[in-house]
Amino acid sequence: MASGAGAGMMAAMTDFALHAQLQRDTIEVVRWGLSLVLLMNARQWPWLILVPRQPNRRELHDLAPADRAVLIEEVARAGAGLDRLFRPAKINVGALGNLVPQLHVHVIARFADDPAWPRPVWGTVTPEPYEAAELSSRLELLRLRL
């Protein structure tokens, strides 16, 4: 059996469960070192959500310092990937958690002609889910290029 800090991280990831709202609203893209990377089912925006795979984390300060550093690097990786793939006007990053208390970070590619620009995406426009073929194509692109 493993011991030390690595064993604690593995146990935490084993105990991890995704919040029900995130299960309903997203599709899994990939698993990185710390985060489960999800695609928001909202075709208007390339929108990723990173969720640290640790139980009972609500705030950034609930993560160990080393895990916070990993999360920030993964958020930067997601943002750079969206920037490279979609060439947006801006990458929005936010960790709100008012409705979903589980720690998660939104990384959203924004365009000057998107339906919510320049306002936040939340509460401005009803998200339109991806159609099956479009979702399959988007997931393939993200899995290959992120």
N, C-alpha and C. Protein backbone atom coordinates (compact mmCIF):
# COMPACT_ATOMS: atom_id res chain seq x y z
N MET A 1 0.84 -1.19 0.00
CA MET A 1 0.00 0.00 0.00
C MET A 1 0.88 1.25 0.00
N ALA A 2 0.50 2.25 -0.74
CA ALA A 2 1.29 3.49 -0.84
C ALA A 2 1.18 4.28 0.44
N SER A 3 2.20 5.09 0.70
CA SER A 3 2.17 5.95 1.88
C SER A 3 2.65 7.33 1.51
N GLY A 4 2.54 8.26 2.45
CA GLY A 4 3.01 9.61 2.21
C GLY A 4 1.97 10.47 1.53
N ALA A 5 2.42 11.63 1.02
CA ALA A 5 1.50 12.61 0.41
C ALA A 5 0.80 12.06 -0.81
N GLY A 6 1.49 11.26 -1.61
CA GLY A 6 0.88 10.68 -2.80
C GLY A 6 -0.31 9.80 -2.46
N ALA A 7 -0.21 9.04 -1.37
CA ALA A 7 -1.31 8.17 -0.95
C ALA A 7 -2.52 9.00 -0.55
N GLY A 8 -2.28 10.13 0.13
CA GLY A 8 -3.38 11.02 0.51
C GLY A 8 -4.08 11.58 -0.70
N MET A 9 -3.33 11.97 -1.73
CA MET A 9 -3.92 12.50 -2.97
C MET A 9 -4.74 11.43 -3.65
N MET A 10 -4.25 10.20 -3.71
CA MET A 10 -4.99 9.12 -4.36
C MET A 10 -6.29 8.83 -3.61
N ALA A 11 -6.25 8.82 -2.29
CA ALA A 11 -7.47 8.60 -1.51
C ALA A 11 -8.46 9.72 -1.76
N ALA A 12 -7.98 10.96 -1.82
CA ALA A 12 -8.86 12.10 -2.06
C ALA A 12 -9.54 11.97 -3.42
N MET A 13 -8.79 11.56 -4.44
CA MET A 13 -9.37 11.42 -5.78
C MET A 13 -10.37 10.26 -5.82
N THR A 14 -10.13 9.22 -5.03
CA THR A 14 -11.06 8.10 -4.96
C THR A 14 -12.37 8.52 -4.33
N ASP A 15 -12.32 9.41 -3.34
CA ASP A 15 -13.52 9.87 -2.64
C ASP A 15 -14.25 10.99 -3.38
N PHE A 16 -13.67 11.48 -4.44
CA PHE A 16 -14.23 12.60 -5.19
C PHE A 16 -15.54 12.20 -5.88
N ALA A 17 -16.52 13.10 -5.83
CA ALA A 17 -17.77 12.93 -6.57
C ALA A 17 -18.15 14.27 -7.18
N LEU A 18 -18.52 14.28 -8.43
CA LEU A 18 -18.90 15.50 -9.12
C LEU A 18 -20.29 15.94 -8.68
N HIS A 19 -20.45 17.24 -8.42
CA HIS A 19 -21.73 17.81 -8.02
C HIS A 19 -22.79 17.50 -9.09
N ALA A 20 -24.01 17.23 -8.65
CA ALA A 20 -25.10 16.84 -9.55
C ALA A 20 -25.37 17.87 -10.64
N GLN A 21 -25.28 19.15 -10.32
CA GLN A 21 -25.53 20.18 -11.34
C GLN A 21 -24.47 20.15 -12.42
N LEU A 22 -23.22 19.95 -12.04
CA LEU A 22 -22.15 19.83 -13.03
C LEU A 22 -22.33 18.57 -13.87
N GLN A 23 -22.82 17.50 -13.25
CA GLN A 23 -23.10 16.28 -14.02
C GLN A 23 -24.15 16.55 -15.09
N ARG A 24 -25.15 17.33 -14.76
CA ARG A 24 -26.24 17.63 -15.71
C ARG A 24 -25.81 18.57 -16.83
N ASP A 25 -24.96 19.54 -16.51
CA ASP A 25 -24.65 20.63 -17.43
C ASP A 25 -23.40 20.45 -18.28
N THR A 26 -22.62 19.40 -18.02
CA THR A 26 -21.31 19.29 -18.66
C THR A 26 -21.06 17.88 -19.21
N ILE A 27 -20.00 17.80 -20.01
CA ILE A 27 -19.53 16.54 -20.56
C ILE A 27 -18.03 16.46 -20.27
N GLU A 28 -17.59 15.30 -19.80
CA GLU A 28 -16.17 15.13 -19.50
C GLU A 28 -15.34 15.19 -20.78
N VAL A 29 -14.26 15.97 -20.71
CA VAL A 29 -13.32 16.07 -21.83
C VAL A 29 -12.11 15.20 -21.54
N VAL A 30 -11.47 15.45 -20.40
CA VAL A 30 -10.21 14.77 -20.08
C VAL A 30 -9.96 14.92 -18.57
N ARG A 31 -9.05 14.12 -18.06
CA ARG A 31 -8.60 14.25 -16.67
C ARG A 31 -7.12 14.64 -16.69
N TRP A 32 -6.84 15.76 -16.06
CA TRP A 32 -5.45 16.19 -15.92
C TRP A 32 -4.95 15.77 -14.54
N GLY A 33 -3.76 16.19 -14.17
CA GLY A 33 -3.16 15.79 -12.91
C GLY A 33 -4.05 16.01 -11.71
N LEU A 34 -4.67 17.17 -11.61
CA LEU A 34 -5.55 17.50 -10.49
C LEU A 34 -7.00 17.58 -10.91
N SER A 35 -7.26 18.13 -12.07
CA SER A 35 -8.61 18.52 -12.43
C SER A 35 -9.30 17.56 -13.40
N LEU A 36 -10.59 17.46 -13.20
CA LEU A 36 -11.48 16.90 -14.20
C LEU A 36 -11.84 18.07 -15.11
N VAL A 37 -11.59 17.93 -16.40
CA VAL A 37 -11.86 19.01 -17.35
C VAL A 37 -13.17 18.69 -18.04
N LEU A 38 -14.12 19.61 -17.92
CA LEU A 38 -15.47 19.42 -18.44
C LEU A 38 -15.78 20.46 -19.50
N LEU A 39 -16.64 20.11 -20.43
CA LEU A 39 -17.16 21.04 -21.43
C LEU A 39 -18.57 21.41 -21.01
N MET A 40 -18.83 22.70 -20.87
CA MET A 40 -20.19 23.16 -20.58
C MET A 40 -21.04 22.92 -21.82
N ASN A 41 -22.21 22.37 -21.63
CA ASN A 41 -23.10 22.08 -22.75
C ASN A 41 -23.83 23.35 -23.17
N ALA A 42 -23.06 24.28 -23.71
CA ALA A 42 -23.57 25.59 -24.16
C ALA A 42 -22.81 25.94 -25.44
N ARG A 43 -23.43 25.67 -26.56
CA ARG A 43 -22.74 25.79 -27.85
C ARG A 43 -22.35 27.22 -28.21
N GLN A 44 -22.90 28.23 -27.51
CA GLN A 44 -22.58 29.62 -27.84
C GLN A 44 -21.12 29.98 -27.52
N TRP A 45 -20.52 29.22 -26.59
CA TRP A 45 -19.16 29.56 -26.16
C TRP A 45 -18.33 28.30 -25.99
N PRO A 46 -17.07 28.31 -26.40
CA PRO A 46 -16.14 27.27 -25.96
C PRO A 46 -15.89 27.49 -24.46
N TRP A 47 -16.40 26.59 -23.62
CA TRP A 47 -16.48 26.85 -22.18
C TRP A 47 -16.06 25.59 -21.44
N LEU A 48 -14.92 25.68 -20.79
CA LEU A 48 -14.41 24.58 -19.99
C LEU A 48 -14.63 24.86 -18.51
N ILE A 49 -14.78 23.80 -17.74
CA ILE A 49 -14.87 23.89 -16.29
C ILE A 49 -13.87 22.90 -15.72
N LEU A 50 -12.99 23.38 -14.87
CA LEU A 50 -12.00 22.53 -14.23
C LEU A 50 -12.43 22.30 -12.78
N VAL A 51 -12.50 21.04 -12.39
CA VAL A 51 -12.91 20.67 -11.04
C VAL A 51 -11.80 19.85 -10.40
N PRO A 52 -11.16 20.37 -9.37
CA PRO A 52 -10.15 19.55 -8.68
C PRO A 52 -10.81 18.27 -8.16
N ARG A 53 -10.18 17.13 -8.43
CA ARG A 53 -10.75 15.85 -8.04
C ARG A 53 -10.41 15.53 -6.59
N GLN A 54 -10.89 16.38 -5.71
CA GLN A 54 -10.74 16.19 -4.27
C GLN A 54 -12.09 16.45 -3.62
N PRO A 55 -12.46 15.64 -2.63
CA PRO A 55 -13.76 15.84 -1.99
C PRO A 55 -13.78 17.04 -1.06
N ASN A 56 -14.96 17.60 -0.91
CA ASN A 56 -15.23 18.64 0.09
C ASN A 56 -14.38 19.89 -0.08
N ARG A 57 -14.10 20.27 -1.30
CA ARG A 57 -13.38 21.52 -1.55
C ARG A 57 -14.38 22.53 -2.07
N ARG A 58 -14.46 23.68 -1.41
CA ARG A 58 -15.40 24.73 -1.79
C ARG A 58 -14.69 25.98 -2.28
N GLU A 59 -13.53 26.25 -1.74
CA GLU A 59 -12.80 27.49 -2.02
C GLU A 59 -11.37 27.17 -2.41
N LEU A 60 -10.72 28.09 -3.12
CA LEU A 60 -9.32 27.91 -3.47
C LEU A 60 -8.45 27.65 -2.25
N HIS A 61 -8.75 28.35 -1.15
CA HIS A 61 -7.92 28.17 0.04
C HIS A 61 -8.13 26.83 0.72
N ASP A 62 -9.12 26.03 0.28
CA ASP A 62 -9.30 24.67 0.79
C ASP A 62 -8.29 23.70 0.19
N LEU A 63 -7.63 24.09 -0.88
CA LEU A 63 -6.60 23.26 -1.49
C LEU A 63 -5.27 23.47 -0.78
N ALA A 64 -4.47 22.43 -0.72
CA ALA A 64 -3.10 22.56 -0.22
C ALA A 64 -2.35 23.51 -1.16
N PRO A 65 -1.36 24.23 -0.65
CA PRO A 65 -0.63 25.17 -1.51
C PRO A 65 -0.11 24.55 -2.81
N ALA A 66 0.43 23.35 -2.76
CA ALA A 66 0.94 22.72 -3.98
C ALA A 66 -0.20 22.45 -4.97
N ASP A 67 -1.36 22.05 -4.46
CA ASP A 67 -2.51 21.80 -5.33
C ASP A 67 -3.06 23.09 -5.92
N ARG A 68 -3.02 24.19 -5.15
CA ARG A 68 -3.43 25.49 -5.71
C ARG A 68 -2.55 25.85 -6.89
N ALA A 69 -1.25 25.62 -6.74
CA ALA A 69 -0.32 25.93 -7.84
C ALA A 69 -0.63 25.07 -9.06
N VAL A 70 -0.93 23.80 -8.85
CA VAL A 70 -1.28 22.92 -9.96
C VAL A 70 -2.57 23.41 -10.63
N LEU A 71 -3.56 23.78 -9.84
CA LEU A 71 -4.83 24.25 -10.40
C LEU A 71 -4.62 25.50 -11.25
N ILE A 72 -3.83 26.44 -10.76
CA ILE A 72 -3.58 27.66 -11.53
C ILE A 72 -2.89 27.32 -12.86
N GLU A 73 -1.95 26.39 -12.84
CA GLU A 73 -1.28 25.99 -14.08
C GLU A 73 -2.26 25.29 -15.03
N GLU A 74 -3.17 24.49 -14.47
CA GLU A 74 -4.16 23.83 -15.32
C GLU A 74 -5.16 24.83 -15.91
N VAL A 75 -5.53 25.84 -15.13
CA VAL A 75 -6.40 26.90 -15.65
C VAL A 75 -5.69 27.65 -16.78
N ALA A 76 -4.42 27.95 -16.59
CA ALA A 76 -3.64 28.62 -17.63
C ALA A 76 -3.54 27.74 -18.88
N ARG A 77 -3.35 26.45 -18.69
CA ARG A 77 -3.29 25.50 -19.81
C ARG A 77 -4.62 25.48 -20.58
N ALA A 78 -5.73 25.45 -19.85
CA ALA A 78 -7.06 25.47 -20.49
C ALA A 78 -7.26 26.77 -21.26
N GLY A 79 -6.91 27.89 -20.64
CA GLY A 79 -7.07 29.18 -21.31
C GLY A 79 -6.21 29.28 -22.56
N ALA A 80 -4.96 28.85 -22.46
CA ALA A 80 -4.07 28.89 -23.62
C ALA A 80 -4.59 27.97 -24.73
N GLY A 81 -5.12 26.82 -24.34
CA GLY A 81 -5.67 25.90 -25.34
C GLY A 81 -6.87 26.50 -26.06
N LEU A 82 -7.79 27.10 -25.31
CA LEU A 82 -8.95 27.74 -25.93
C LEU A 82 -8.51 28.90 -26.82
N ASP A 83 -7.53 29.66 -26.36
CA ASP A 83 -7.02 30.79 -27.15
C ASP A 83 -6.43 30.31 -28.47
N ARG A 84 -5.63 29.27 -28.40
CA ARG A 84 -4.98 28.72 -29.59
C ARG A 84 -6.02 28.13 -30.56
N LEU A 85 -7.02 27.44 -30.03
CA LEU A 85 -8.00 26.75 -30.89
C LEU A 85 -9.05 27.68 -31.49
N PHE A 86 -9.47 28.71 -30.72
CA PHE A 86 -10.63 29.50 -31.14
C PHE A 86 -10.34 30.97 -31.39
N ARG A 87 -9.18 31.46 -30.99
CA ARG A 87 -8.79 32.86 -31.19
C ARG A 87 -9.87 33.85 -30.72
N PRO A 88 -10.29 33.73 -29.46
CA PRO A 88 -11.33 34.64 -28.94
C PRO A 88 -10.79 36.03 -28.68
N ALA A 89 -11.71 36.96 -28.45
CA ALA A 89 -11.32 38.32 -28.07
C ALA A 89 -10.79 38.33 -26.64
N LYS A 90 -11.30 37.41 -25.80
CA LYS A 90 -10.94 37.40 -24.38
C LYS A 90 -11.21 36.01 -23.82
N ILE A 91 -10.40 35.62 -22.84
CA ILE A 91 -10.66 34.40 -22.07
C ILE A 91 -11.14 34.86 -20.69
N ASN A 92 -12.36 34.48 -20.31
CA ASN A 92 -12.88 34.78 -18.98
C ASN A 92 -12.58 33.60 -18.06
N VAL A 93 -12.12 33.90 -16.85
CA VAL A 93 -11.85 32.88 -15.84
C VAL A 93 -12.58 33.29 -14.58
N GLY A 94 -13.31 32.34 -13.99
CA GLY A 94 -14.03 32.66 -12.77
C GLY A 94 -14.30 31.43 -11.92
N ALA A 95 -14.31 31.65 -10.62
CA ALA A 95 -14.66 30.59 -9.66
C ALA A 95 -15.70 31.18 -8.72
N LEU A 96 -16.96 31.07 -9.09
CA LEU A 96 -18.03 31.70 -8.32
C LEU A 96 -18.58 30.78 -7.24
N GLY A 97 -19.23 29.71 -7.64
CA GLY A 97 -19.71 28.73 -6.69
C GLY A 97 -20.93 29.13 -5.89
N ASN A 98 -21.67 30.13 -6.31
CA ASN A 98 -22.87 30.53 -5.56
C ASN A 98 -23.96 29.48 -5.66
N LEU A 99 -24.12 28.86 -6.82
CA LEU A 99 -25.14 27.83 -7.01
C LEU A 99 -24.58 26.42 -6.88
N VAL A 100 -23.34 26.23 -7.28
CA VAL A 100 -22.66 24.94 -7.16
C VAL A 100 -21.49 25.13 -6.20
N PRO A 101 -21.64 24.69 -4.96
CA PRO A 101 -20.60 24.97 -3.97
C PRO A 101 -19.29 24.22 -4.17
N GLN A 102 -19.28 23.15 -4.95
CA GLN A 102 -18.05 22.41 -5.19
C GLN A 102 -17.06 23.31 -5.94
N LEU A 103 -15.82 23.33 -5.48
CA LEU A 103 -14.81 24.16 -6.14
C LEU A 103 -14.70 23.78 -7.61
N HIS A 104 -14.88 24.77 -8.46
CA HIS A 104 -14.72 24.59 -9.90
C HIS A 104 -14.37 25.94 -10.51
N VAL A 105 -13.63 25.91 -11.61
CA VAL A 105 -13.18 27.12 -12.27
C VAL A 105 -13.66 27.11 -13.71
N HIS A 106 -14.36 28.17 -14.10
CA HIS A 106 -14.84 28.35 -15.47
C HIS A 106 -13.74 29.01 -16.30
N VAL A 107 -13.52 28.50 -17.49
CA VAL A 107 -12.57 29.09 -18.44
C VAL A 107 -13.36 29.19 -19.75
N ILE A 108 -13.69 30.43 -20.14
CA ILE A 108 -14.65 30.65 -21.23
C ILE A 108 -14.03 31.53 -22.31
N ALA A 109 -14.08 31.03 -23.54
CA ALA A 109 -13.63 31.84 -24.68
C ALA A 109 -14.77 32.77 -25.08
N ARG A 110 -14.47 34.07 -25.11
CA ARG A 110 -15.49 35.08 -25.43
C ARG A 110 -15.13 35.80 -26.72
N PHE A 111 -16.20 36.16 -27.45
CA PHE A 111 -16.06 36.82 -28.74
C PHE A 111 -16.90 38.08 -28.75
N ALA A 112 -16.44 39.10 -29.46
CA ALA A 112 -17.17 40.37 -29.52
C ALA A 112 -18.55 40.20 -30.13
N ASP A 113 -18.78 39.13 -30.88
CA ASP A 113 -20.10 38.91 -31.47
C ASP A 113 -20.88 37.78 -30.77
N ASP A 114 -20.41 37.35 -29.59
CA ASP A 114 -21.18 36.30 -28.90
C ASP A 114 -22.45 36.91 -28.29
N PRO A 115 -23.47 36.12 -28.03
CA PRO A 115 -24.78 36.67 -27.64
C PRO A 115 -24.82 37.38 -26.29
N ALA A 116 -23.79 37.24 -25.48
CA ALA A 116 -23.79 37.92 -24.18
C ALA A 116 -22.78 39.06 -24.11
N TRP A 117 -21.94 39.19 -25.10
CA TRP A 117 -20.86 40.19 -25.08
C TRP A 117 -21.40 41.59 -24.88
N PRO A 118 -20.80 42.41 -24.04
CA PRO A 118 -19.64 42.18 -23.19
C PRO A 118 -20.02 41.74 -21.77
N ARG A 119 -21.26 41.42 -21.57
CA ARG A 119 -21.72 41.02 -20.23
C ARG A 119 -21.25 39.61 -19.89
N PRO A 120 -21.38 39.22 -18.62
CA PRO A 120 -21.06 37.83 -18.24
C PRO A 120 -22.02 36.86 -18.94
N VAL A 121 -21.61 35.62 -19.08
CA VAL A 121 -22.45 34.63 -19.73
C VAL A 121 -23.60 34.18 -18.84
N TRP A 122 -23.42 34.28 -17.53
CA TRP A 122 -24.44 33.80 -16.59
C TRP A 122 -25.66 34.71 -16.58
N GLY A 123 -26.83 34.12 -16.78
CA GLY A 123 -28.08 34.85 -16.66
C GLY A 123 -28.38 35.81 -17.80
N THR A 124 -27.53 35.88 -18.80
CA THR A 124 -27.73 36.81 -19.90
C THR A 124 -28.48 36.14 -21.06
N VAL A 125 -28.03 34.95 -21.40
CA VAL A 125 -28.58 34.19 -22.52
C VAL A 125 -28.78 32.75 -22.07
N THR A 126 -29.87 32.15 -22.46
CA THR A 126 -30.09 30.75 -22.12
C THR A 126 -29.12 29.90 -22.94
N PRO A 127 -28.35 29.04 -22.26
CA PRO A 127 -27.42 28.19 -23.01
C PRO A 127 -28.16 27.25 -23.96
N GLU A 128 -27.62 27.13 -25.16
CA GLU A 128 -28.14 26.19 -26.15
C GLU A 128 -27.25 24.96 -26.14
N PRO A 129 -27.82 23.78 -25.90
CA PRO A 129 -26.98 22.57 -25.89
C PRO A 129 -26.44 22.25 -27.28
N TYR A 130 -25.31 21.57 -27.29
CA TYR A 130 -24.73 21.11 -28.55
C TYR A 130 -25.64 20.06 -29.19
N GLU A 131 -25.69 20.06 -30.51
CA GLU A 131 -26.29 18.95 -31.23
C GLU A 131 -25.27 17.82 -31.24
N ALA A 132 -25.71 16.58 -31.41
CA ALA A 132 -24.85 15.40 -31.24
C ALA A 132 -23.58 15.46 -32.09
N ALA A 133 -23.70 15.75 -33.38
CA ALA A 133 -22.53 15.78 -34.27
C ALA A 133 -21.56 16.89 -33.87
N GLU A 134 -22.11 18.05 -33.53
CA GLU A 134 -21.28 19.20 -33.12
C GLU A 134 -20.55 18.88 -31.82
N LEU A 135 -21.25 18.24 -30.87
CA LEU A 135 -20.64 17.87 -29.60
C LEU A 135 -19.51 16.87 -29.82
N SER A 136 -19.75 15.88 -30.64
CA SER A 136 -18.73 14.88 -30.93
C SER A 136 -17.48 15.53 -31.54
N SER A 137 -17.69 16.43 -32.48
CA SER A 137 -16.58 17.14 -33.12
C SER A 137 -15.82 18.01 -32.14
N ARG A 138 -16.56 18.74 -31.30
CA ARG A 138 -15.92 19.63 -30.31
C ARG A 138 -15.11 18.82 -29.30
N LEU A 139 -15.66 17.72 -28.82
CA LEU A 139 -14.94 16.88 -27.86
C LEU A 139 -13.67 16.29 -28.48
N GLU A 140 -13.77 15.84 -29.71
CA GLU A 140 -12.60 15.29 -30.39
C GLU A 140 -11.51 16.34 -30.52
N LEU A 141 -11.88 17.54 -30.94
CA LEU A 141 -10.91 18.63 -31.07
C LEU A 141 -10.24 18.93 -29.74
N LEU A 142 -11.04 19.08 -28.69
CA LEU A 142 -10.49 19.41 -27.38
C LEU A 142 -9.59 18.29 -26.85
N ARG A 143 -10.01 17.07 -27.02
CA ARG A 143 -9.21 15.94 -26.51
C ARG A 143 -7.88 15.82 -27.24
N LEU A 144 -7.86 16.14 -28.51
CA LEU A 144 -6.62 16.06 -29.29
C LEU A 144 -5.69 17.24 -29.05
N ARG A 145 -6.26 18.43 -28.80
CA ARG A 145 -5.45 19.66 -28.84
C ARG A 145 -5.21 20.34 -27.50
N LEU A 146 -5.92 19.93 -26.46
CA LEU A 146 -5.68 20.61 -25.16
C LEU A 146 -4.43 20.08 -24.50
